Each structure stands twice: as structure tokens, then as C-alpha cells.
């Protein structure tokens, strides 16, 4: 039932975008909250087709922009294929945190357990894992730090 509510809100949000960006963002946030995404403040923009997986815990801060086709994963079952250990399933879920005023470019993939600091730029198509320092600019697969947002004018 929660998933049906999610799709209804997403589609209403898409239609409301023609009228008001404010209504679009309100409905997008409500849709993701219905699935368990935790918001601190108001993100600047989340594209309708971004996949946000809240199963392991997902926190998105104030001013965040999430572009088209972004994938944020908070679970990883791949290691269970090797272990055959049911108790290991507790380790399959790892929370993701996206810091304030960060930008996630189109098609980026954020892997479980990632912590993105504030004012970061994640380039299009980047694959991100681990702890990302505040003000970092990352691109590539695997992502590499190429700069600092404080140096950009």
C-alpha cells in the first residue's frame, strides 16, 4: 500500500511541476518520506526518476540537488552469495547520508554506507563509496577527488 501511495504522489508531483516547482518539491518529498527517507530541511531539487533506497537508512539535508537517474543504495546483498550465513544479513544494510547543499550529478551511483559532506559536487556517472569530505568535487568510476568547491568561483 505504501508503494502505491509513493507512485501516486510521484505522478501528481510530475503533473504539478507545470504549475509550481514548490508543489512539485513538496509532493516529491512526501512520496519519499512515505518510503522512509529522512529529510533534514528542504532539499533544493530531487528529480522524479531518481531511485532513493531507504531500506538501510537514508538522510538528505537542506539544499541538496539530486539529478536525473541517480541511484542511492542502502543495501548490498552481494556478499551473502559467498558466505551462505543468514546472520550476515544484518550487515547488508548501511545508511547513506547526504550533507547540506551537495549536488549529485545525473546517473551517479551512491553505494551503501556512504557519507557525503556538505557543499560537495558529485559528477555525472560517478560511483561513490565511503566518507566524502566537505567541499569535495568527485568524478569518475571509481570516483576520485579532483577539487574543492571553495576554490570555484
Foldseek 3Di string as FASTA:
>chain_A
DLLVLLVVLLVVLVVCVVPDPVSNQVSNVVSVVSQPAAEAAGAPEEDSQEAEHCPQHEYEYHPEYHDAQEYEDQFDCVVCVVVVDPVCRVVRGAYEYAEHNEYAEANEYEYHNEYAYYCEYEYHNEYDDHYHDHQFYWYDVPIDTDDGNVPPD
